[in-house]
Amino acid sequence: AKAWHDPHLGSTTDEMLYIDGMTMARGHSTVTDQAFLWNNMLEIGYPIIKNIIQIEAFASATYLKKYLTKEIKKTDGWYYAMGAGFKLKIQGFPLGLYVVKDATLLQSTHRWKWLGTNDNSSRGVRLAFCISTSLI
């Protein structure tokens, strides 16, 4: 599909959209220089020590495209993550440590690729050190 607008004209890599694996698409590797980003996340938390630490579970789906086109395809650019962990609730110190399972939907094969299953990790589950953007 031909792009109807090239966002790279007049833009630097730093001005383009990205996922960092910490605030969006937790646990994934960094992907930069993108023109379109759509991020969905569901988080459920329960305080263990009020206003200090909470346990949290999350699921997210993030869509990225390098060029703008008129449609969003179901099978390319999707980054999925789900997991659970602990998050600090101290104001100004929004850090969390999560056990994360990542997946992506490949463009060419239209199949799920569960990340981490080709290495020696425990069924593709990994630890992710994340920064929270929530205000509460």
N, C-alpha and C. Protein backbone atom coordinates (compact mmCIF):
# COMPACT_ATOMS: atom_id res chain seq x y z
N ALA A 1 0.85 -1.18 0.00
CA ALA A 1 0.00 0.00 0.00
C ALA A 1 0.88 1.23 0.00
N LYS A 2 0.59 2.14 -0.86
CA LYS A 2 1.36 3.35 -0.98
C LYS A 2 0.94 4.34 0.10
N ALA A 3 1.92 4.98 0.73
CA ALA A 3 1.63 5.95 1.77
C ALA A 3 1.03 7.21 1.14
N TRP A 4 -0.01 7.75 1.75
CA TRP A 4 -0.63 8.97 1.23
C TRP A 4 0.04 10.21 1.79
N HIS A 5 0.88 10.03 2.79
CA HIS A 5 1.68 11.13 3.32
C HIS A 5 2.94 10.52 3.91
N ASP A 6 4.09 11.08 3.58
CA ASP A 6 5.33 10.56 4.11
C ASP A 6 5.72 11.36 5.35
N PRO A 7 5.55 10.80 6.55
CA PRO A 7 5.85 11.53 7.78
C PRO A 7 7.34 11.77 7.98
N HIS A 8 8.17 11.09 7.20
CA HIS A 8 9.60 11.25 7.34
C HIS A 8 10.11 12.53 6.68
N LEU A 9 9.30 13.17 5.85
CA LEU A 9 9.70 14.42 5.22
C LEU A 9 9.67 15.53 6.26
N GLY A 10 10.82 16.10 6.55
CA GLY A 10 10.91 17.19 7.51
C GLY A 10 10.93 16.75 8.96
N SER A 11 10.97 15.44 9.22
CA SER A 11 10.99 14.94 10.59
C SER A 11 12.29 14.19 10.86
N THR A 12 12.78 14.32 12.06
CA THR A 12 13.94 13.53 12.46
C THR A 12 13.45 12.26 13.15
N THR A 13 14.34 11.31 13.34
CA THR A 13 13.99 10.07 14.02
C THR A 13 13.46 10.35 15.43
N ASP A 14 14.02 11.34 16.10
CA ASP A 14 13.60 11.68 17.46
C ASP A 14 12.19 12.24 17.52
N GLU A 15 11.69 12.77 16.41
CA GLU A 15 10.34 13.34 16.38
C GLU A 15 9.28 12.31 16.01
N MET A 16 9.68 11.13 15.61
CA MET A 16 8.75 10.09 15.21
C MET A 16 8.26 9.32 16.44
N LEU A 17 7.21 8.53 16.27
CA LEU A 17 6.65 7.75 17.37
C LEU A 17 7.47 6.49 17.61
N TYR A 18 7.37 5.93 18.83
CA TYR A 18 8.14 4.74 19.18
C TYR A 18 7.51 4.02 20.36
N ILE A 19 7.90 2.75 20.53
CA ILE A 19 7.62 2.03 21.77
C ILE A 19 8.97 1.79 22.43
N ASP A 20 8.97 1.80 23.76
CA ASP A 20 10.24 1.65 24.46
C ASP A 20 10.32 0.40 25.33
N GLY A 21 9.23 -0.34 25.44
CA GLY A 21 9.24 -1.54 26.26
C GLY A 21 9.10 -1.29 27.74
N MET A 22 9.00 -0.02 28.13
CA MET A 22 8.86 0.32 29.55
C MET A 22 7.52 0.99 29.84
N THR A 23 7.14 1.96 29.02
CA THR A 23 5.86 2.64 29.23
C THR A 23 4.79 2.13 28.29
N MET A 24 5.19 1.67 27.11
CA MET A 24 4.27 1.06 26.14
C MET A 24 4.88 -0.23 25.64
N ALA A 25 4.02 -1.24 25.41
CA ALA A 25 4.47 -2.56 24.95
C ALA A 25 5.52 -3.11 25.91
N ARG A 26 5.16 -3.20 27.17
CA ARG A 26 6.08 -3.63 28.22
C ARG A 26 6.77 -4.94 27.87
N GLY A 27 8.08 -4.96 28.03
CA GLY A 27 8.85 -6.17 27.79
C GLY A 27 9.37 -6.31 26.37
N HIS A 28 8.81 -5.57 25.42
CA HIS A 28 9.29 -5.64 24.03
C HIS A 28 10.56 -4.82 23.86
N SER A 29 11.33 -5.12 22.83
CA SER A 29 12.49 -4.32 22.48
C SER A 29 12.03 -2.99 21.90
N THR A 30 12.89 -2.00 21.95
CA THR A 30 12.57 -0.66 21.44
C THR A 30 12.38 -0.70 19.92
N VAL A 31 11.32 -0.04 19.45
CA VAL A 31 11.06 0.13 18.02
C VAL A 31 10.87 1.63 17.79
N THR A 32 11.70 2.22 16.92
CA THR A 32 11.66 3.67 16.70
C THR A 32 11.28 4.00 15.26
N ASP A 33 11.19 5.30 14.98
CA ASP A 33 10.98 5.82 13.62
C ASP A 33 9.66 5.36 13.01
N GLN A 34 8.57 5.48 13.76
CA GLN A 34 7.25 5.05 13.29
C GLN A 34 6.34 6.27 13.09
N ALA A 35 5.35 6.14 12.20
CA ALA A 35 4.47 7.25 11.88
C ALA A 35 3.11 7.16 12.57
N PHE A 36 2.69 5.96 12.98
CA PHE A 36 1.36 5.77 13.58
C PHE A 36 1.49 4.85 14.78
N LEU A 37 0.85 5.23 15.90
CA LEU A 37 0.89 4.44 17.11
C LEU A 37 -0.49 4.43 17.74
N TRP A 38 -0.93 3.24 18.13
CA TRP A 38 -2.20 3.08 18.83
C TRP A 38 -1.94 2.12 19.99
N ASN A 39 -2.13 2.60 21.22
CA ASN A 39 -1.80 1.81 22.40
C ASN A 39 -3.05 1.60 23.25
N ASN A 40 -3.33 0.36 23.61
CA ASN A 40 -4.44 0.00 24.49
C ASN A 40 -3.87 -0.78 25.66
N MET A 41 -4.30 -0.42 26.89
CA MET A 41 -3.81 -1.13 28.06
C MET A 41 -4.91 -1.22 29.12
N LEU A 42 -4.97 -2.38 29.75
CA LEU A 42 -5.86 -2.61 30.88
C LEU A 42 -5.00 -3.02 32.06
N GLU A 43 -5.13 -2.28 33.17
CA GLU A 43 -4.37 -2.58 34.38
C GLU A 43 -5.33 -2.76 35.54
N ILE A 44 -5.07 -3.76 36.36
CA ILE A 44 -5.85 -3.99 37.57
C ILE A 44 -4.85 -4.10 38.72
N GLY A 45 -5.03 -3.27 39.75
CA GLY A 45 -4.09 -3.26 40.85
C GLY A 45 -4.78 -3.37 42.20
N TYR A 46 -4.01 -3.84 43.17
CA TYR A 46 -4.51 -3.95 44.54
C TYR A 46 -3.39 -3.54 45.49
N PRO A 47 -3.66 -2.59 46.41
CA PRO A 47 -2.59 -2.13 47.30
C PRO A 47 -2.18 -3.19 48.32
N ILE A 48 -0.89 -3.38 48.47
CA ILE A 48 -0.36 -4.28 49.48
C ILE A 48 0.02 -3.44 50.71
N ILE A 49 0.74 -2.36 50.48
CA ILE A 49 1.03 -1.36 51.52
C ILE A 49 0.51 -0.04 50.97
N LYS A 50 -0.53 0.50 51.57
CA LYS A 50 -1.23 1.66 51.04
C LYS A 50 -0.27 2.81 50.74
N ASN A 51 -0.41 3.37 49.52
CA ASN A 51 0.38 4.49 49.01
C ASN A 51 1.88 4.20 48.88
N ILE A 52 2.28 2.93 48.99
CA ILE A 52 3.69 2.60 48.83
C ILE A 52 3.91 1.54 47.75
N ILE A 53 3.20 0.40 47.85
CA ILE A 53 3.41 -0.67 46.87
C ILE A 53 2.08 -1.37 46.59
N GLN A 54 1.90 -1.75 45.34
CA GLN A 54 0.71 -2.51 44.97
C GLN A 54 1.08 -3.62 44.03
N ILE A 55 0.24 -4.65 44.03
CA ILE A 55 0.39 -5.74 43.06
C ILE A 55 -0.51 -5.39 41.89
N GLU A 56 -0.07 -5.73 40.69
CA GLU A 56 -0.80 -5.29 39.51
C GLU A 56 -0.74 -6.35 38.41
N ALA A 57 -1.82 -6.49 37.67
CA ALA A 57 -1.86 -7.34 36.48
C ALA A 57 -2.24 -6.44 35.31
N PHE A 58 -1.71 -6.74 34.13
CA PHE A 58 -2.01 -5.90 32.97
C PHE A 58 -2.06 -6.73 31.69
N ALA A 59 -2.70 -6.17 30.70
CA ALA A 59 -2.70 -6.70 29.34
C ALA A 59 -2.67 -5.49 28.41
N SER A 60 -1.89 -5.58 27.34
CA SER A 60 -1.81 -4.45 26.42
C SER A 60 -1.69 -4.93 24.98
N ALA A 61 -2.13 -4.07 24.08
CA ALA A 61 -2.00 -4.28 22.63
C ALA A 61 -1.58 -2.95 22.02
N THR A 62 -0.47 -2.94 21.30
CA THR A 62 0.07 -1.73 20.71
C THR A 62 0.25 -1.96 19.21
N TYR A 63 -0.21 -1.01 18.42
CA TYR A 63 -0.11 -1.11 16.96
C TYR A 63 0.83 -0.03 16.45
N LEU A 64 1.78 -0.40 15.60
CA LEU A 64 2.74 0.54 15.01
C LEU A 64 2.76 0.41 13.50
N LYS A 65 2.94 1.54 12.82
CA LYS A 65 3.16 1.55 11.37
C LYS A 65 4.24 2.54 11.04
N LYS A 66 5.09 2.18 10.10
CA LYS A 66 6.18 3.06 9.69
C LYS A 66 5.68 4.18 8.79
N TYR A 67 4.66 3.92 7.99
CA TYR A 67 4.09 4.92 7.08
C TYR A 67 2.58 5.00 7.28
N LEU A 68 2.01 6.15 7.07
CA LEU A 68 0.57 6.33 7.18
C LEU A 68 -0.12 5.81 5.93
N THR A 69 -1.12 4.99 6.11
CA THR A 69 -1.96 4.52 5.02
C THR A 69 -3.41 4.69 5.46
N LYS A 70 -4.33 4.43 4.57
CA LYS A 70 -5.74 4.68 4.88
C LYS A 70 -6.41 3.59 5.68
N GLU A 71 -5.75 2.45 5.88
CA GLU A 71 -6.38 1.39 6.67
C GLU A 71 -5.41 0.79 7.67
N ILE A 72 -5.99 0.19 8.70
CA ILE A 72 -5.22 -0.55 9.68
C ILE A 72 -5.46 -2.02 9.41
N LYS A 73 -4.41 -2.75 9.11
CA LYS A 73 -4.55 -4.18 8.86
C LYS A 73 -4.48 -4.93 10.17
N LYS A 74 -5.25 -6.00 10.26
CA LYS A 74 -5.29 -6.79 11.48
C LYS A 74 -4.01 -7.55 11.74
N THR A 75 -3.20 -7.75 10.71
CA THR A 75 -2.10 -8.70 10.84
C THR A 75 -0.71 -8.09 10.78
N ASP A 76 -0.55 -6.79 10.86
CA ASP A 76 0.83 -6.31 10.90
C ASP A 76 1.02 -5.21 11.92
N GLY A 77 2.16 -5.25 12.58
CA GLY A 77 2.53 -4.21 13.51
C GLY A 77 1.94 -4.30 14.91
N TRP A 78 1.34 -5.43 15.28
CA TRP A 78 0.75 -5.57 16.61
C TRP A 78 1.75 -6.14 17.60
N TYR A 79 1.87 -5.50 18.75
CA TYR A 79 2.73 -5.94 19.85
C TYR A 79 1.84 -6.16 21.07
N TYR A 80 1.81 -7.39 21.56
CA TYR A 80 0.96 -7.74 22.70
C TYR A 80 1.83 -8.06 23.91
N ALA A 81 1.32 -7.75 25.10
CA ALA A 81 2.03 -8.08 26.34
C ALA A 81 0.99 -8.30 27.43
N MET A 82 1.30 -9.23 28.33
CA MET A 82 0.47 -9.42 29.52
C MET A 82 1.37 -9.93 30.63
N GLY A 83 0.99 -9.57 31.85
CA GLY A 83 1.81 -9.99 32.96
C GLY A 83 1.31 -9.46 34.28
N ALA A 84 2.13 -9.65 35.30
CA ALA A 84 1.79 -9.21 36.66
C ALA A 84 3.08 -8.86 37.39
N GLY A 85 2.94 -8.03 38.42
CA GLY A 85 4.12 -7.66 39.19
C GLY A 85 3.80 -6.67 40.27
N PHE A 86 4.84 -6.00 40.73
CA PHE A 86 4.72 -5.03 41.81
C PHE A 86 5.05 -3.64 41.28
N LYS A 87 4.31 -2.64 41.75
CA LYS A 87 4.53 -1.26 41.34
C LYS A 87 4.61 -0.37 42.57
N LEU A 88 5.62 0.51 42.59
CA LEU A 88 5.73 1.48 43.67
C LEU A 88 4.70 2.59 43.45
N LYS A 89 4.02 2.97 44.48
CA LYS A 89 3.00 4.03 44.40
C LYS A 89 3.51 5.34 44.99
N ILE A 90 4.82 5.43 45.22
CA ILE A 90 5.41 6.64 45.77
C ILE A 90 5.40 7.72 44.69
N GLN A 91 4.84 8.88 45.00
CA GLN A 91 4.74 9.96 44.03
C GLN A 91 6.13 10.39 43.56
N GLY A 92 6.31 10.53 42.26
CA GLY A 92 7.59 10.91 41.70
C GLY A 92 8.59 9.77 41.56
N PHE A 93 8.18 8.56 41.90
CA PHE A 93 9.06 7.38 41.81
C PHE A 93 8.25 6.21 41.26
N PRO A 94 7.71 6.34 40.05
CA PRO A 94 6.75 5.36 39.51
C PRO A 94 7.40 4.16 38.84
N LEU A 95 8.05 3.31 39.59
CA LEU A 95 8.74 2.15 39.03
C LEU A 95 7.98 0.87 39.31
N GLY A 96 8.14 -0.09 38.42
CA GLY A 96 7.50 -1.39 38.60
C GLY A 96 8.37 -2.52 38.09
N LEU A 97 8.19 -3.69 38.66
CA LEU A 97 8.88 -4.89 38.21
C LEU A 97 7.82 -5.94 37.91
N TYR A 98 7.80 -6.42 36.66
CA TYR A 98 6.74 -7.30 36.19
C TYR A 98 7.32 -8.58 35.58
N VAL A 99 6.57 -9.65 35.67
CA VAL A 99 6.82 -10.86 34.90
C VAL A 99 5.92 -10.74 33.68
N VAL A 100 6.51 -10.74 32.48
CA VAL A 100 5.79 -10.40 31.26
C VAL A 100 5.89 -11.52 30.23
N LYS A 101 4.79 -11.75 29.52
CA LYS A 101 4.76 -12.64 28.36
C LYS A 101 4.40 -11.77 27.16
N ASP A 102 5.29 -11.71 26.17
CA ASP A 102 5.10 -10.87 24.99
C ASP A 102 4.77 -11.71 23.77
N ALA A 103 4.06 -11.10 22.85
CA ALA A 103 3.78 -11.74 21.56
C ALA A 103 3.64 -10.64 20.51
N THR A 104 3.85 -11.01 19.27
CA THR A 104 3.63 -10.09 18.17
C THR A 104 2.99 -10.85 17.02
N LEU A 105 2.27 -10.16 16.19
CA LEU A 105 1.64 -10.78 15.03
C LEU A 105 2.48 -10.41 13.81
N LEU A 106 3.08 -11.41 13.18
CA LEU A 106 3.99 -11.17 12.07
C LEU A 106 3.27 -10.79 10.80
N GLN A 107 3.87 -9.87 10.04
CA GLN A 107 3.28 -9.40 8.79
C GLN A 107 3.23 -10.49 7.72
N SER A 108 4.34 -11.18 7.53
CA SER A 108 4.43 -12.08 6.39
C SER A 108 3.71 -13.41 6.58
N THR A 109 3.72 -13.95 7.80
CA THR A 109 3.16 -15.28 7.99
C THR A 109 1.74 -15.27 8.57
N HIS A 110 1.30 -14.13 9.07
CA HIS A 110 -0.01 -14.02 9.71
C HIS A 110 -0.15 -15.01 10.86
N ARG A 111 0.96 -15.25 11.56
CA ARG A 111 0.96 -16.15 12.71
C ARG A 111 1.47 -15.42 13.93
N TRP A 112 1.10 -15.93 15.08
CA TRP A 112 1.61 -15.41 16.33
C TRP A 112 3.06 -15.78 16.47
N LYS A 113 3.86 -14.87 16.96
CA LYS A 113 5.24 -15.17 17.33
C LYS A 113 5.35 -14.87 18.81
N TRP A 114 5.46 -15.92 19.60
CA TRP A 114 5.62 -15.75 21.05
C TRP A 114 7.07 -15.49 21.31
N LEU A 115 7.38 -14.31 21.81
CA LEU A 115 8.76 -13.92 22.03
C LEU A 115 9.38 -14.71 23.17
N GLY A 116 10.64 -15.04 23.03
CA GLY A 116 11.37 -15.74 24.07
C GLY A 116 11.30 -17.26 23.95
N THR A 117 10.53 -17.81 23.04
CA THR A 117 10.40 -19.26 22.95
C THR A 117 11.57 -19.91 22.22
N ASN A 118 12.40 -19.13 21.54
CA ASN A 118 13.54 -19.71 20.82
C ASN A 118 14.83 -19.67 21.62
N ASP A 119 14.79 -19.10 22.80
CA ASP A 119 16.02 -19.05 23.61
C ASP A 119 15.85 -19.93 24.85
N ASN A 120 16.72 -19.77 25.81
CA ASN A 120 16.70 -20.62 27.00
C ASN A 120 15.83 -20.07 28.12
N SER A 121 15.02 -19.07 27.85
CA SER A 121 14.18 -18.51 28.90
C SER A 121 13.03 -19.46 29.24
N SER A 122 12.39 -19.21 30.33
CA SER A 122 11.32 -20.08 30.81
C SER A 122 10.03 -19.81 30.05
N ARG A 123 9.83 -20.52 28.96
CA ARG A 123 8.64 -20.43 28.12
C ARG A 123 8.35 -18.99 27.65
N GLY A 124 9.39 -18.20 27.46
CA GLY A 124 9.22 -16.85 26.93
C GLY A 124 8.77 -15.83 27.95
N VAL A 125 8.75 -16.19 29.22
CA VAL A 125 8.39 -15.23 30.26
C VAL A 125 9.66 -14.53 30.70
N ARG A 126 9.59 -13.21 30.86
CA ARG A 126 10.77 -12.45 31.25
C ARG A 126 10.43 -11.38 32.28
N LEU A 127 11.45 -10.88 32.95
CA LEU A 127 11.28 -9.78 33.88
C LEU A 127 11.38 -8.47 33.11
N ALA A 128 10.51 -7.52 33.43
CA ALA A 128 10.54 -6.21 32.79
C ALA A 128 10.52 -5.14 33.87
N PHE A 129 11.49 -4.25 33.81
CA PHE A 129 11.57 -3.11 34.71
C PHE A 129 10.92 -1.95 33.99
N CYS A 130 9.83 -1.41 34.53
CA CYS A 130 9.01 -0.44 33.81
C CYS A 130 8.81 0.85 34.59
N ILE A 131 8.49 1.90 33.86
CA ILE A 131 8.12 3.18 34.43
C ILE A 131 6.62 3.35 34.23
N SER A 132 5.92 3.68 35.28
CA SER A 132 4.48 3.87 35.20
C SER A 132 4.15 5.31 34.82
N THR A 133 3.11 5.49 34.05
CA THR A 133 2.67 6.84 33.70
C THR A 133 1.36 7.18 34.38
N SER A 134 0.85 6.31 35.24
CA SER A 134 -0.41 6.60 35.91
C SER A 134 -0.22 7.68 36.96
N LEU A 135 -1.26 8.45 37.19
CA LEU A 135 -1.18 9.55 38.13
C LEU A 135 -1.61 9.16 39.54
N ILE A 136 -2.26 7.99 39.67
CA ILE A 136 -2.70 7.57 41.00
C ILE A 136 -2.03 6.30 41.42
